[in-house]
Amino acid sequence: MMIIKGARTVHPMMVPDILDNIRELLGVEIYPIGSTACPYRDSKDVDILVDSNKITEKYGFKNPRDAIVHICRTNDLETVQRGVSVHVKYPYGVGFIQVDVMVTEYASEIQFFHVHRIPRWSPYKGRHRHILLNHLARKKSLKWSPYRGLVDRKSDRLITRDPDEVAQLLIGENAYDDNITSADAILSALPDSDSILKELLSDPAWNN
């Protein structure tokens, strides 16, 4: 989502330099996600995860997003905070880009679920992957959280966020992480993919 009006397009060749600059700015490890993790075409912004606990440990702010805003403003960078994300107006070349810093726990572990290996011909997007994972989880009295992992629906207890284990629990014992890298991969691994797709067609979120 574009929050910073007038931000320039991010070309793939720009991404490594931008990531180095943001890593230096924040002083903690960053985890590129979405198209930023696989920059083979132009994108509207740069998306990264940072670990909330690492930010709190380093800067002492009770709210780690407040720490991100403070760091940016100290460096004369404009920010807009929405939910778990801080959107940064970051100067680059002639103009500026939008950098979305998503602050969450377990950033290094959940990065996998926010890097989508989507075939270029695919009709699906990253959100379809998460909708499909949650649909499969519901069938097993579980629920899917993109920021926590596979969770028990009644107790809210974490079951696992290990990609191989998630694949095995939702698809079958022979499944592994490659089978859940995109909606296409998940559907290809399901023996009953046609019936699953029919069920999903009644879900407004799937069709948007």
Foldseek 3Di string as FASTA:
>chain_A
DDDDPPADKDALVCLVVVLVVVCVLQVADKFWFDCSVVRPGIDQATEIEDEQVVQCVVPVDPGSVVSVCVSQVVVVWDWDDDDQWIWIFADDDPGTGIYIYGYAHPRVLLRLLRHAPDPPPDPDDSVLLQVLLQLLLVVVQWGQDSRQGIARNVPRHDDDSAQQVSQCVRAHVPDGNQCRRGNVSVLVSHPPSVVSVVVCVVPPVRVD
